mmCIF file of all heavy atoms, coordinates in Angstrom:
data_MODEL
# 
_entry.id   MODEL 
# 
loop_
_atom_site.group_PDB 
_atom_site.id 
_atom_site.type_symbol 
_atom_site.label_atom_id 
_atom_site.label_alt_id 
_atom_site.label_comp_id 
_atom_site.label_asym_id 
_atom_site.label_entity_id 
_atom_site.label_seq_id 
_atom_site.pdbx_PDB_ins_code 
_atom_site.Cartn_x 
_atom_site.Cartn_y 
_atom_site.Cartn_z 
_atom_site.occupancy 
_atom_site.B_iso_or_equiv 
_atom_site.pdbx_formal_charge 
_atom_site.auth_seq_id 
_atom_site.auth_comp_id 
_atom_site.auth_asym_id 
_atom_site.auth_atom_id 
_atom_site.pdbx_PDB_model_num 
ATOM 1   N N   . ASP A 1 1  ? -104.172 -97.294  4.063   1.00 0.00 ? 1  ASP A N   1 
ATOM 2   C CA  . ASP A 1 1  ? -103.949 -98.636  4.583   1.00 0.00 ? 1  ASP A CA  1 
ATOM 3   C C   . ASP A 1 1  ? -105.138 -99.485  4.136   1.00 0.00 ? 1  ASP A C   1 
ATOM 4   O O   . ASP A 1 1  ? -106.188 -99.489  4.768   1.00 0.00 ? 1  ASP A O   1 
ATOM 5   C CB  . ASP A 1 1  ? -103.840 -98.583  6.111   1.00 0.00 ? 1  ASP A CB  1 
ATOM 6   C CG  . ASP A 1 1  ? -103.443 -99.919  6.724   1.00 0.00 ? 1  ASP A CG  1 
ATOM 7   O OD1 . ASP A 1 1  ? -103.298 -100.906 5.984   1.00 0.00 ? 1  ASP A OD1 1 
ATOM 8   O OD2 . ASP A 1 1  ? -103.274 -99.961  7.961   1.00 0.00 ? 1  ASP A OD2 1 
ATOM 9   N N   . TRP A 1 2  ? -104.960 -100.181 3.021   1.00 0.00 ? 2  TRP A N   1 
ATOM 10  C CA  . TRP A 1 2  ? -106.062 -100.915 2.384   1.00 0.00 ? 2  TRP A CA  1 
ATOM 11  C C   . TRP A 1 2  ? -105.888 -102.415 2.558   1.00 0.00 ? 2  TRP A C   1 
ATOM 12  O O   . TRP A 1 2  ? -104.775 -102.927 2.645   1.00 0.00 ? 2  TRP A O   1 
ATOM 13  C CB  . TRP A 1 2  ? -106.115 -100.611 0.888   1.00 0.00 ? 2  TRP A CB  1 
ATOM 14  C CG  . TRP A 1 2  ? -106.470 -99.204  0.526   1.00 0.00 ? 2  TRP A CG  1 
ATOM 15  C CD1 . TRP A 1 2  ? -106.741 -98.164  1.377   1.00 0.00 ? 2  TRP A CD1 1 
ATOM 16  C CD2 . TRP A 1 2  ? -106.598 -98.679  -0.800  1.00 0.00 ? 2  TRP A CD2 1 
ATOM 17  N NE1 . TRP A 1 2  ? -107.024 -97.028  0.659   1.00 0.00 ? 2  TRP A NE1 1 
ATOM 18  C CE2 . TRP A 1 2  ? -106.953 -97.308  -0.667  1.00 0.00 ? 2  TRP A CE2 1 
ATOM 19  C CE3 . TRP A 1 2  ? -106.452 -99.223  -2.066  1.00 0.00 ? 2  TRP A CE3 1 
ATOM 20  C CZ2 . TRP A 1 2  ? -107.152 -96.492  -1.782  1.00 0.00 ? 2  TRP A CZ2 1 
ATOM 21  C CZ3 . TRP A 1 2  ? -106.647 -98.409  -3.176  1.00 0.00 ? 2  TRP A CZ3 1 
ATOM 22  C CH2 . TRP A 1 2  ? -107.000 -97.054  -3.036  1.00 0.00 ? 2  TRP A CH2 1 
ATOM 23  N N   . GLY A 1 3  ? -107.013 -103.114 2.551   1.00 0.00 ? 3  GLY A N   1 
ATOM 24  C CA  . GLY A 1 3  ? -106.977 -104.568 2.564   1.00 0.00 ? 3  GLY A CA  1 
ATOM 25  C C   . GLY A 1 3  ? -106.983 -105.147 3.971   1.00 0.00 ? 3  GLY A C   1 
ATOM 26  O O   . GLY A 1 3  ? -107.193 -104.457 4.968   1.00 0.00 ? 3  GLY A O   1 
ATOM 27  N N   . SER A 1 4  ? -106.720 -106.443 4.029   1.00 0.00 ? 4  SER A N   1 
ATOM 28  C CA  . SER A 1 4  ? -106.756 -107.175 5.290   1.00 0.00 ? 4  SER A CA  1 
ATOM 29  C C   . SER A 1 4  ? -105.552 -106.833 6.159   1.00 0.00 ? 4  SER A C   1 
ATOM 30  O O   . SER A 1 4  ? -104.409 -106.867 5.692   1.00 0.00 ? 4  SER A O   1 
ATOM 31  C CB  . SER A 1 4  ? -106.762 -108.681 5.018   1.00 0.00 ? 4  SER A CB  1 
ATOM 32  O OG  . SER A 1 4  ? -106.582 -109.410 6.215   1.00 0.00 ? 4  SER A OG  1 
ATOM 33  N N   . LYS A 1 5  ? -105.811 -106.552 7.419   1.00 0.00 ? 5  LYS A N   1 
ATOM 34  C CA  . LYS A 1 5  ? -104.715 -106.283 8.357   1.00 0.00 ? 5  LYS A CA  1 
ATOM 35  C C   . LYS A 1 5  ? -103.922 -107.549 8.644   1.00 0.00 ? 5  LYS A C   1 
ATOM 36  O O   . LYS A 1 5  ? -102.811 -107.491 9.182   1.00 0.00 ? 5  LYS A O   1 
ATOM 37  C CB  . LYS A 1 5  ? -105.270 -105.693 9.657   1.00 0.00 ? 5  LYS A CB  1 
ATOM 38  C CG  . LYS A 1 5  ? -106.010 -104.377 9.485   1.00 0.00 ? 5  LYS A CG  1 
ATOM 39  C CD  . LYS A 1 5  ? -105.108 -103.299 8.919   1.00 0.00 ? 5  LYS A CD  1 
ATOM 40  C CE  . LYS A 1 5  ? -105.807 -101.946 8.857   1.00 0.00 ? 5  LYS A CE  1 
ATOM 41  N NZ  . LYS A 1 5  ? -106.864 -101.896 7.812   1.00 0.00 ? 5  LYS A NZ  1 
ATOM 42  N N   . GLU A 1 6  ? -104.462 -108.688 8.257   1.00 0.00 ? 6  GLU A N   1 
ATOM 43  C CA  . GLU A 1 6  ? -103.764 -109.957 8.449   1.00 0.00 ? 6  GLU A CA  1 
ATOM 44  C C   . GLU A 1 6  ? -102.917 -110.335 7.242   1.00 0.00 ? 6  GLU A C   1 
ATOM 45  O O   . GLU A 1 6  ? -102.128 -111.275 7.296   1.00 0.00 ? 6  GLU A O   1 
ATOM 46  C CB  . GLU A 1 6  ? -104.779 -111.074 8.723   1.00 0.00 ? 6  GLU A CB  1 
ATOM 47  C CG  . GLU A 1 6  ? -105.707 -110.805 9.897   1.00 0.00 ? 6  GLU A CG  1 
ATOM 48  C CD  . GLU A 1 6  ? -104.945 -110.531 11.182  1.00 0.00 ? 6  GLU A CD  1 
ATOM 49  O OE1 . GLU A 1 6  ? -103.970 -111.263 11.456  1.00 0.00 ? 6  GLU A OE1 1 
ATOM 50  O OE2 . GLU A 1 6  ? -105.323 -109.595 11.908  1.00 0.00 ? 6  GLU A OE2 1 
ATOM 51  N N   . GLY A 1 7  ? -103.077 -109.618 6.134   1.00 0.00 ? 7  GLY A N   1 
ATOM 52  C CA  . GLY A 1 7  ? -102.347 -109.943 4.927   1.00 0.00 ? 7  GLY A CA  1 
ATOM 53  C C   . GLY A 1 7  ? -100.902 -109.466 4.963   1.00 0.00 ? 7  GLY A C   1 
ATOM 54  O O   . GLY A 1 7  ? -100.545 -108.567 5.739   1.00 0.00 ? 7  GLY A O   1 
ATOM 55  N N   . GLN A 1 8  ? -100.059 -110.075 4.153   1.00 0.00 ? 8  GLN A N   1 
ATOM 56  C CA  . GLN A 1 8  ? -98.677  -109.614 4.060   1.00 0.00 ? 8  GLN A CA  1 
ATOM 57  C C   . GLN A 1 8  ? -98.662  -108.175 3.569   1.00 0.00 ? 8  GLN A C   1 
ATOM 58  O O   . GLN A 1 8  ? -99.308  -107.840 2.571   1.00 0.00 ? 8  GLN A O   1 
ATOM 59  C CB  . GLN A 1 8  ? -97.868  -110.489 3.106   1.00 0.00 ? 8  GLN A CB  1 
ATOM 60  C CG  . GLN A 1 8  ? -96.402  -110.075 3.007   1.00 0.00 ? 8  GLN A CG  1 
ATOM 61  C CD  . GLN A 1 8  ? -95.608  -110.930 2.039   1.00 0.00 ? 8  GLN A CD  1 
ATOM 62  O OE1 . GLN A 1 8  ? -96.122  -111.897 1.484   1.00 0.00 ? 8  GLN A OE1 1 
ATOM 63  N NE2 . GLN A 1 8  ? -94.352  -110.585 1.818   1.00 0.00 ? 8  GLN A NE2 1 
ATOM 64  N N   . PRO A 1 9  ? -97.930  -107.290 4.235   1.00 0.00 ? 9  PRO A N   1 
ATOM 65  C CA  . PRO A 1 9  ? -97.948  -105.885 3.842   1.00 0.00 ? 9  PRO A CA  1 
ATOM 66  C C   . PRO A 1 9  ? -97.058  -105.588 2.630   1.00 0.00 ? 9  PRO A C   1 
ATOM 67  O O   . PRO A 1 9  ? -95.946  -106.100 2.513   1.00 0.00 ? 9  PRO A O   1 
ATOM 68  C CB  . PRO A 1 9  ? -97.437  -105.158 5.081   1.00 0.00 ? 9  PRO A CB  1 
ATOM 69  C CG  . PRO A 1 9  ? -96.634  -106.166 5.823   1.00 0.00 ? 9  PRO A CG  1 
ATOM 70  C CD  . PRO A 1 9  ? -97.223  -107.509 5.502   1.00 0.00 ? 9  PRO A CD  1 
ATOM 71  N N   . VAL A 1 10 ? -97.588  -104.768 1.750   1.00 0.00 ? 10 VAL A N   1 
ATOM 72  C CA  . VAL A 1 10 ? -96.845  -104.225 0.614   1.00 0.00 ? 10 VAL A CA  1 
ATOM 73  C C   . VAL A 1 10 ? -96.886  -102.710 0.767   1.00 0.00 ? 10 VAL A C   1 
ATOM 74  O O   . VAL A 1 10 ? -97.968  -102.111 0.811   1.00 0.00 ? 10 VAL A O   1 
ATOM 75  C CB  . VAL A 1 10 ? -97.461  -104.643 -0.727  1.00 0.00 ? 10 VAL A CB  1 
ATOM 76  C CG1 . VAL A 1 10 ? -96.614  -104.123 -1.879  1.00 0.00 ? 10 VAL A CG1 1 
ATOM 77  C CG2 . VAL A 1 10 ? -97.612  -106.158 -0.802  1.00 0.00 ? 10 VAL A CG2 1 
ATOM 78  N N   . VAL A 1 11 ? -95.727  -102.100 0.881   1.00 0.00 ? 11 VAL A N   1 
ATOM 79  C CA  . VAL A 1 11 ? -95.637  -100.661 1.152   1.00 0.00 ? 11 VAL A CA  1 
ATOM 80  C C   . VAL A 1 11 ? -95.079  -99.962  -0.082  1.00 0.00 ? 11 VAL A C   1 
ATOM 81  O O   . VAL A 1 11 ? -93.989  -100.296 -0.561  1.00 0.00 ? 11 VAL A O   1 
ATOM 82  C CB  . VAL A 1 11 ? -94.749  -100.382 2.387   1.00 0.00 ? 11 VAL A CB  1 
ATOM 83  C CG1 . VAL A 1 11 ? -94.610  -98.879  2.618   1.00 0.00 ? 11 VAL A CG1 1 
ATOM 84  C CG2 . VAL A 1 11 ? -95.355  -101.055 3.620   1.00 0.00 ? 11 VAL A CG2 1 
ATOM 85  N N   . PHE A 1 12 ? -95.820  -98.986  -0.572  1.00 0.00 ? 12 PHE A N   1 
ATOM 86  C CA  . PHE A 1 12 ? -95.514  -98.310  -1.818  1.00 0.00 ? 12 PHE A CA  1 
ATOM 87  C C   . PHE A 1 12 ? -94.953  -96.909  -1.573  1.00 0.00 ? 12 PHE A C   1 
ATOM 88  O O   . PHE A 1 12 ? -95.465  -96.162  -0.734  1.00 0.00 ? 12 PHE A O   1 
ATOM 89  C CB  . PHE A 1 12 ? -96.780  -98.174  -2.666  1.00 0.00 ? 12 PHE A CB  1 
ATOM 90  C CG  . PHE A 1 12 ? -97.370  -99.466  -3.144  1.00 0.00 ? 12 PHE A CG  1 
ATOM 91  C CD1 . PHE A 1 12 ? -98.263  -100.179 -2.344  1.00 0.00 ? 12 PHE A CD1 1 
ATOM 92  C CD2 . PHE A 1 12 ? -97.049  -99.974  -4.394  1.00 0.00 ? 12 PHE A CD2 1 
ATOM 93  C CE1 . PHE A 1 12 ? -98.824  -101.375 -2.792  1.00 0.00 ? 12 PHE A CE1 1 
ATOM 94  C CE2 . PHE A 1 12 ? -97.603  -101.167 -4.855  1.00 0.00 ? 12 PHE A CE2 1 
ATOM 95  C CZ  . PHE A 1 12 ? -98.490  -101.863 -4.046  1.00 0.00 ? 12 PHE A CZ  1 
ATOM 96  N N   . SER A 1 13 ? -93.934  -96.539  -2.359  1.00 0.00 ? 13 SER A N   1 
ATOM 97  C CA  . SER A 1 13 ? -93.381  -95.177  -2.345  1.00 0.00 ? 13 SER A CA  1 
ATOM 98  C C   . SER A 1 13 ? -93.500  -94.594  -3.752  1.00 0.00 ? 13 SER A C   1 
ATOM 99  O O   . SER A 1 13 ? -93.037  -95.199  -4.724  1.00 0.00 ? 13 SER A O   1 
ATOM 100 C CB  . SER A 1 13 ? -91.913  -95.187  -1.906  1.00 0.00 ? 13 SER A CB  1 
ATOM 101 O OG  . SER A 1 13 ? -91.794  -95.539  -0.538  1.00 0.00 ? 13 SER A OG  1 
ATOM 102 N N   . HIS A 1 14 ? -94.104  -93.436  -3.842  1.00 0.00 ? 14 HIS A N   1 
ATOM 103 C CA  . HIS A 1 14 ? -94.431  -92.835  -5.139  1.00 0.00 ? 14 HIS A CA  1 
ATOM 104 C C   . HIS A 1 14 ? -93.279  -92.006  -5.707  1.00 0.00 ? 14 HIS A C   1 
ATOM 105 O O   . HIS A 1 14 ? -92.305  -91.687  -5.030  1.00 0.00 ? 14 HIS A O   1 
ATOM 106 C CB  . HIS A 1 14 ? -95.684  -91.963  -5.016  1.00 0.00 ? 14 HIS A CB  1 
ATOM 107 C CG  . HIS A 1 14 ? -95.537  -90.799  -4.071  1.00 0.00 ? 14 HIS A CG  1 
ATOM 108 N ND1 . HIS A 1 14 ? -94.869  -89.645  -4.408  1.00 0.00 ? 14 HIS A ND1 1 
ATOM 109 C CD2 . HIS A 1 14 ? -95.981  -90.617  -2.796  1.00 0.00 ? 14 HIS A CD2 1 
ATOM 110 C CE1 . HIS A 1 14 ? -94.900  -88.793  -3.393  1.00 0.00 ? 14 HIS A CE1 1 
ATOM 111 N NE2 . HIS A 1 14 ? -95.570  -89.369  -2.397  1.00 0.00 ? 14 HIS A NE2 1 
ATOM 112 N N   . GLY A 1 15 ? -93.426  -91.641  -6.963  1.00 0.00 ? 15 GLY A N   1 
ATOM 113 C CA  . GLY A 1 15 ? -92.430  -90.836  -7.658  1.00 0.00 ? 15 GLY A CA  1 
ATOM 114 C C   . GLY A 1 15 ? -92.691  -89.341  -7.537  1.00 0.00 ? 15 GLY A C   1 
ATOM 115 O O   . GLY A 1 15 ? -93.681  -88.893  -6.946  1.00 0.00 ? 15 GLY A O   1 
ATOM 116 N N   . TRP A 1 16 ? -91.794  -88.566  -8.120  1.00 0.00 ? 16 TRP A N   1 
ATOM 117 C CA  . TRP A 1 16 ? -91.886  -87.098  -8.151  1.00 0.00 ? 16 TRP A CA  1 
ATOM 118 C C   . TRP A 1 16 ? -92.815  -86.695  -9.274  1.00 0.00 ? 16 TRP A C   1 
ATOM 119 O O   . TRP A 1 16 ? -92.746  -87.286  -10.366 1.00 0.00 ? 16 TRP A O   1 
ATOM 120 C CB  . TRP A 1 16 ? -90.485  -86.524  -8.388  1.00 0.00 ? 16 TRP A CB  1 
ATOM 121 C CG  . TRP A 1 16 ? -90.445  -85.049  -8.687  1.00 0.00 ? 16 TRP A CG  1 
ATOM 122 C CD1 . TRP A 1 16 ? -90.274  -84.039  -7.771  1.00 0.00 ? 16 TRP A CD1 1 
ATOM 123 C CD2 . TRP A 1 16 ? -90.547  -84.400  -9.963  1.00 0.00 ? 16 TRP A CD2 1 
ATOM 124 N NE1 . TRP A 1 16 ? -90.270  -82.820  -8.413  1.00 0.00 ? 16 TRP A NE1 1 
ATOM 125 C CE2 . TRP A 1 16 ? -90.445  -83.017  -9.758  1.00 0.00 ? 16 TRP A CE2 1 
ATOM 126 C CE3 . TRP A 1 16 ? -90.729  -84.858  -11.275 1.00 0.00 ? 16 TRP A CE3 1 
ATOM 127 C CZ2 . TRP A 1 16 ? -90.502  -82.082  -10.790 1.00 0.00 ? 16 TRP A CZ2 1 
ATOM 128 C CZ3 . TRP A 1 16 ? -90.803  -83.941  -12.309 1.00 0.00 ? 16 TRP A CZ3 1 
ATOM 129 C CH2 . TRP A 1 16 ? -90.689  -82.563  -12.058 1.00 0.00 ? 16 TRP A CH2 1 
ATOM 130 N N   . PRO A 1 17 ? -93.625  -85.677  -9.064  1.00 0.00 ? 17 PRO A N   1 
ATOM 131 C CA  . PRO A 1 17 ? -93.980  -84.945  -7.844  1.00 0.00 ? 17 PRO A CA  1 
ATOM 132 C C   . PRO A 1 17 ? -95.343  -85.398  -7.367  1.00 0.00 ? 17 PRO A C   1 
ATOM 133 O O   . PRO A 1 17 ? -96.216  -84.590  -7.048  1.00 0.00 ? 17 PRO A O   1 
ATOM 134 C CB  . PRO A 1 17 ? -94.028  -83.500  -8.348  1.00 0.00 ? 17 PRO A CB  1 
ATOM 135 C CG  . PRO A 1 17 ? -94.626  -83.654  -9.749  1.00 0.00 ? 17 PRO A CG  1 
ATOM 136 C CD  . PRO A 1 17 ? -94.197  -85.006  -10.263 1.00 0.00 ? 17 PRO A CD  1 
ATOM 137 N N   . LEU A 1 18 ? -95.545  -86.720  -7.328  1.00 0.00 ? 18 LEU A N   1 
ATOM 138 C CA  . LEU A 1 18 ? -96.875  -87.302  -7.222  1.00 0.00 ? 18 LEU A CA  1 
ATOM 139 C C   . LEU A 1 18 ? -97.260  -87.595  -5.779  1.00 0.00 ? 18 LEU A C   1 
ATOM 140 O O   . LEU A 1 18 ? -96.681  -87.040  -4.841  1.00 0.00 ? 18 LEU A O   1 
ATOM 141 C CB  . LEU A 1 18 ? -96.937  -88.551  -8.116  1.00 0.00 ? 18 LEU A CB  1 
ATOM 142 C CG  . LEU A 1 18 ? -96.580  -88.293  -9.577  1.00 0.00 ? 18 LEU A CG  1 
ATOM 143 C CD1 . LEU A 1 18 ? -96.505  -89.585  -10.376 1.00 0.00 ? 18 LEU A CD1 1 
ATOM 144 C CD2 . LEU A 1 18 ? -97.580  -87.323  -10.210 1.00 0.00 ? 18 LEU A CD2 1 
ATOM 145 N N   . THR A 1 19 ? -98.262  -88.435  -5.606  1.00 0.00 ? 19 THR A N   1 
ATOM 146 C CA  . THR A 1 19 ? -98.769  -88.801  -4.284  1.00 0.00 ? 19 THR A CA  1 
ATOM 147 C C   . THR A 1 19 ? -99.075  -90.294  -4.283  1.00 0.00 ? 19 THR A C   1 
ATOM 148 O O   . THR A 1 19 ? -98.924  -90.991  -5.292  1.00 0.00 ? 19 THR A O   1 
ATOM 149 C CB  . THR A 1 19 ? -100.049 -88.018  -3.941  1.00 0.00 ? 19 THR A CB  1 
ATOM 150 O OG1 . THR A 1 19 ? -101.156 -88.552  -4.702  1.00 0.00 ? 19 THR A OG1 1 
ATOM 151 C CG2 . THR A 1 19 ? -99.903  -86.534  -4.258  1.00 0.00 ? 19 THR A CG2 1 
ATOM 152 N N   . SER A 1 20 ? -99.556  -90.772  -3.170  1.00 0.00 ? 20 SER A N   1 
ATOM 153 C CA  . SER A 1 20 ? -99.934  -92.181  -3.076  1.00 0.00 ? 20 SER A CA  1 
ATOM 154 C C   . SER A 1 20 ? -101.063 -92.537  -4.044  1.00 0.00 ? 20 SER A C   1 
ATOM 155 O O   . SER A 1 20 ? -101.257 -93.723  -4.350  1.00 0.00 ? 20 SER A O   1 
ATOM 156 C CB  . SER A 1 20 ? -100.362 -92.514  -1.642  1.00 0.00 ? 20 SER A CB  1 
ATOM 157 O OG  . SER A 1 20 ? -101.438 -91.678  -1.224  1.00 0.00 ? 20 SER A OG  1 
ATOM 158 N N   . ASP A 1 21 ? -101.788 -91.543  -4.539  1.00 0.00 ? 21 ASP A N   1 
ATOM 159 C CA  . ASP A 1 21 ? -102.863 -91.816  -5.504  1.00 0.00 ? 21 ASP A CA  1 
ATOM 160 C C   . ASP A 1 21 ? -102.342 -92.520  -6.753  1.00 0.00 ? 21 ASP A C   1 
ATOM 161 O O   . ASP A 1 21 ? -103.092 -93.250  -7.410  1.00 0.00 ? 21 ASP A O   1 
ATOM 162 C CB  . ASP A 1 21 ? -103.552 -90.514  -5.926  1.00 0.00 ? 21 ASP A CB  1 
ATOM 163 C CG  . ASP A 1 21 ? -104.365 -89.893  -4.802  1.00 0.00 ? 21 ASP A CG  1 
ATOM 164 O OD1 . ASP A 1 21 ? -104.508 -90.522  -3.736  1.00 0.00 ? 21 ASP A OD1 1 
ATOM 165 O OD2 . ASP A 1 21 ? -104.855 -88.761  -4.992  1.00 0.00 ? 21 ASP A OD2 1 
ATOM 166 N N   . ASN A 1 22 ? -101.078 -92.293  -7.077  1.00 0.00 ? 22 ASN A N   1 
ATOM 167 C CA  . ASN A 1 22 ? -100.548 -92.900  -8.299  1.00 0.00 ? 22 ASN A CA  1 
ATOM 168 C C   . ASN A 1 22 ? -100.409 -94.416  -8.194  1.00 0.00 ? 22 ASN A C   1 
ATOM 169 O O   . ASN A 1 22 ? -100.179 -95.088  -9.205  1.00 0.00 ? 22 ASN A O   1 
ATOM 170 C CB  . ASN A 1 22 ? -99.197  -92.268  -8.670  1.00 0.00 ? 22 ASN A CB  1 
ATOM 171 C CG  . ASN A 1 22 ? -98.913  -92.382  -10.158 1.00 0.00 ? 22 ASN A CG  1 
ATOM 172 O OD1 . ASN A 1 22 ? -99.735  -91.991  -10.981 1.00 0.00 ? 22 ASN A OD1 1 
ATOM 173 N ND2 . ASN A 1 22 ? -97.757  -92.934  -10.504 1.00 0.00 ? 22 ASN A ND2 1 
ATOM 174 N N   . TRP A 1 23 ? -100.560 -94.952  -6.986  1.00 0.00 ? 23 TRP A N   1 
ATOM 175 C CA  . TRP A 1 23 ? -100.462 -96.401  -6.775  1.00 0.00 ? 23 TRP A CA  1 
ATOM 176 C C   . TRP A 1 23 ? -101.826 -97.064  -6.660  1.00 0.00 ? 23 TRP A C   1 
ATOM 177 O O   . TRP A 1 23 ? -101.896 -98.261  -6.342  1.00 0.00 ? 23 TRP A O   1 
ATOM 178 C CB  . TRP A 1 23 ? -99.670  -96.695  -5.508  1.00 0.00 ? 23 TRP A CB  1 
ATOM 179 C CG  . TRP A 1 23 ? -98.198  -96.518  -5.605  1.00 0.00 ? 23 TRP A CG  1 
ATOM 180 C CD1 . TRP A 1 23 ? -97.421  -95.631  -4.908  1.00 0.00 ? 23 TRP A CD1 1 
ATOM 181 C CD2 . TRP A 1 23 ? -97.288  -97.268  -6.423  1.00 0.00 ? 23 TRP A CD2 1 
ATOM 182 N NE1 . TRP A 1 23 ? -96.098  -95.784  -5.244  1.00 0.00 ? 23 TRP A NE1 1 
ATOM 183 C CE2 . TRP A 1 23 ? -95.989  -96.781  -6.179  1.00 0.00 ? 23 TRP A CE2 1 
ATOM 184 C CE3 . TRP A 1 23 ? -97.461  -98.303  -7.350  1.00 0.00 ? 23 TRP A CE3 1 
ATOM 185 C CZ2 . TRP A 1 23 ? -94.863  -97.299  -6.813  1.00 0.00 ? 23 TRP A CZ2 1 
ATOM 186 C CZ3 . TRP A 1 23 ? -96.345  -98.818  -7.990  1.00 0.00 ? 23 TRP A CZ3 1 
ATOM 187 C CH2 . TRP A 1 23 ? -95.056  -98.310  -7.713  1.00 0.00 ? 23 TRP A CH2 1 
ATOM 188 N N   . GLU A 1 24 ? -102.919 -96.342  -6.890  1.00 0.00 ? 24 GLU A N   1 
ATOM 189 C CA  . GLU A 1 24 ? -104.226 -96.883  -6.545  1.00 0.00 ? 24 GLU A CA  1 
ATOM 190 C C   . GLU A 1 24 ? -104.567 -98.168  -7.309  1.00 0.00 ? 24 GLU A C   1 
ATOM 191 O O   . GLU A 1 24 ? -105.228 -99.052  -6.758  1.00 0.00 ? 24 GLU A O   1 
ATOM 192 C CB  . GLU A 1 24 ? -105.315 -95.822  -6.762  1.00 0.00 ? 24 GLU A CB  1 
ATOM 193 C CG  . GLU A 1 24 ? -105.464 -95.367  -8.195  1.00 0.00 ? 24 GLU A CG  1 
ATOM 194 C CD  . GLU A 1 24 ? -106.474 -94.236  -8.327  1.00 0.00 ? 24 GLU A CD  1 
ATOM 195 O OE1 . GLU A 1 24 ? -106.924 -93.718  -7.293  1.00 0.00 ? 24 GLU A OE1 1 
ATOM 196 O OE2 . GLU A 1 24 ? -106.815 -93.882  -9.474  1.00 0.00 ? 24 GLU A OE2 1 
ATOM 197 N N   . ILE A 1 25 ? -104.124 -98.302  -8.548  1.00 0.00 ? 25 ILE A N   1 
ATOM 198 C CA  . ILE A 1 25 ? -104.431 -99.527  -9.310  1.00 0.00 ? 25 ILE A CA  1 
ATOM 199 C C   . ILE A 1 25 ? -103.745 -100.729 -8.674  1.00 0.00 ? 25 ILE A C   1 
ATOM 200 O O   . ILE A 1 25 ? -104.352 -101.787 -8.481  1.00 0.00 ? 25 ILE A O   1 
ATOM 201 C CB  . ILE A 1 25 ? -104.005 -99.361  -10.779 1.00 0.00 ? 25 ILE A CB  1 
ATOM 202 C CG1 . ILE A 1 25 ? -104.813 -98.253  -11.453 1.00 0.00 ? 25 ILE A CG1 1 
ATOM 203 C CG2 . ILE A 1 25 ? -104.183 -100.677 -11.535 1.00 0.00 ? 25 ILE A CG2 1 
ATOM 204 C CD1 . ILE A 1 25 ? -104.373 -97.954  -12.870 1.00 0.00 ? 25 ILE A CD1 1 
ATOM 205 N N   . GLN A 1 26 ? -102.456 -100.570 -8.344  1.00 0.00 ? 26 GLN A N   1 
ATOM 206 C CA  . GLN A 1 26 ? -101.712 -101.677 -7.732  1.00 0.00 ? 26 GLN A CA  1 
ATOM 207 C C   . GLN A 1 26 ? -102.232 -101.973 -6.316  1.00 0.00 ? 26 GLN A C   1 
ATOM 208 O O   . GLN A 1 26 ? -102.347 -103.138 -5.919  1.00 0.00 ? 26 GLN A O   1 
ATOM 209 C CB  . GLN A 1 26 ? -100.224 -101.350 -7.689  1.00 0.00 ? 26 GLN A CB  1 
ATOM 210 C CG  . GLN A 1 26 ? -99.523  -101.462 -9.024  1.00 0.00 ? 26 GLN A CG  1 
ATOM 211 C CD  . GLN A 1 26 ? -99.867  -100.343 -9.992  1.00 0.00 ? 26 GLN A CD  1 
ATOM 212 O OE1 . GLN A 1 26 ? -99.984  -99.182  -9.592  1.00 0.00 ? 26 GLN A OE1 1 
ATOM 213 N NE2 . GLN A 1 26 ? -100.023 -100.682 -11.267 1.00 0.00 ? 26 GLN A NE2 1 
ATOM 214 N N   . MET A 1 27 ? -102.556 -100.938 -5.565  1.00 0.00 ? 27 MET A N   1 
ATOM 215 C CA  . MET A 1 27 ? -103.044 -101.134 -4.201  1.00 0.00 ? 27 MET A CA  1 
ATOM 216 C C   . MET A 1 27 ? -104.383 -101.876 -4.199  1.00 0.00 ? 27 MET A C   1 
ATOM 217 O O   . MET A 1 27 ? -104.585 -102.808 -3.419  1.00 0.00 ? 27 MET A O   1 
ATOM 218 C CB  . MET A 1 27 ? -103.175 -99.791  -3.490  1.00 0.00 ? 27 MET A CB  1 
ATOM 219 C CG  . MET A 1 27 ? -101.862 -99.112  -3.199  1.00 0.00 ? 27 MET A CG  1 
ATOM 220 S SD  . MET A 1 27 ? -102.077 -97.580  -2.274  1.00 0.00 ? 27 MET A SD  1 
ATOM 221 C CE  . MET A 1 27 ? -102.652 -98.195  -0.685  1.00 0.00 ? 27 MET A CE  1 
ATOM 222 N N   . PHE A 1 28 ? -105.283 -101.474 -5.073  1.00 0.00 ? 28 PHE A N   1 
ATOM 223 C CA  . PHE A 1 28 ? -106.590 -102.123 -5.141  1.00 0.00 ? 28 PHE A CA  1 
ATOM 224 C C   . PHE A 1 28 ? -106.437 -103.585 -5.567  1.00 0.00 ? 28 PHE A C   1 
ATOM 225 O O   . PHE A 1 28 ? -107.073 -104.484 -4.998  1.00 0.00 ? 28 PHE A O   1 
ATOM 226 C CB  . PHE A 1 28 ? -107.501 -101.377 -6.111  1.00 0.00 ? 28 PHE A CB  1 
ATOM 227 C CG  . PHE A 1 28 ? -108.873 -101.974 -6.242  1.00 0.00 ? 28 PHE A CG  1 
ATOM 228 C CD1 . PHE A 1 28 ? -109.839 -101.734 -5.273  1.00 0.00 ? 28 PHE A CD1 1 
ATOM 229 C CD2 . PHE A 1 28 ? -109.197 -102.799 -7.301  1.00 0.00 ? 28 PHE A CD2 1 
ATOM 230 C CE1 . PHE A 1 28 ? -111.107 -102.299 -5.375  1.00 0.00 ? 28 PHE A CE1 1 
ATOM 231 C CE2 . PHE A 1 28 ? -110.453 -103.368 -7.418  1.00 0.00 ? 28 PHE A CE2 1 
ATOM 232 C CZ  . PHE A 1 28 ? -111.419 -103.112 -6.450  1.00 0.00 ? 28 PHE A CZ  1 
ATOM 233 N N   . PHE A 1 29 ? -105.580 -103.821 -6.549  1.00 0.00 ? 29 PHE A N   1 
ATOM 234 C CA  . PHE A 1 29 ? -105.364 -105.175 -7.041  1.00 0.00 ? 29 PHE A CA  1 
ATOM 235 C C   . PHE A 1 29 ? -104.844 -106.084 -5.941  1.00 0.00 ? 29 PHE A C   1 
ATOM 236 O O   . PHE A 1 29 ? -105.385 -107.178 -5.711  1.00 0.00 ? 29 PHE A O   1 
ATOM 237 C CB  . PHE A 1 29 ? -104.384 -105.136 -8.219  1.00 0.00 ? 29 PHE A CB  1 
ATOM 238 C CG  . PHE A 1 29 ? -103.994 -106.490 -8.743  1.00 0.00 ? 29 PHE A CG  1 
ATOM 239 C CD1 . PHE A 1 29 ? -104.847 -107.214 -9.565  1.00 0.00 ? 29 PHE A CD1 1 
ATOM 240 C CD2 . PHE A 1 29 ? -102.754 -107.043 -8.429  1.00 0.00 ? 29 PHE A CD2 1 
ATOM 241 C CE1 . PHE A 1 29 ? -104.488 -108.465 -10.056 1.00 0.00 ? 29 PHE A CE1 1 
ATOM 242 C CE2 . PHE A 1 29 ? -102.388 -108.290 -8.908  1.00 0.00 ? 29 PHE A CE2 1 
ATOM 243 C CZ  . PHE A 1 29 ? -103.251 -109.005 -9.720  1.00 0.00 ? 29 PHE A CZ  1 
# 
């Protein structure tokens, strides 16, 4: 759960057979 708790939430679902780590570039951005 990254970023401002007041910001609009963007919730990511990863692909097979990966983890949430695969979204780290988009999440950080």
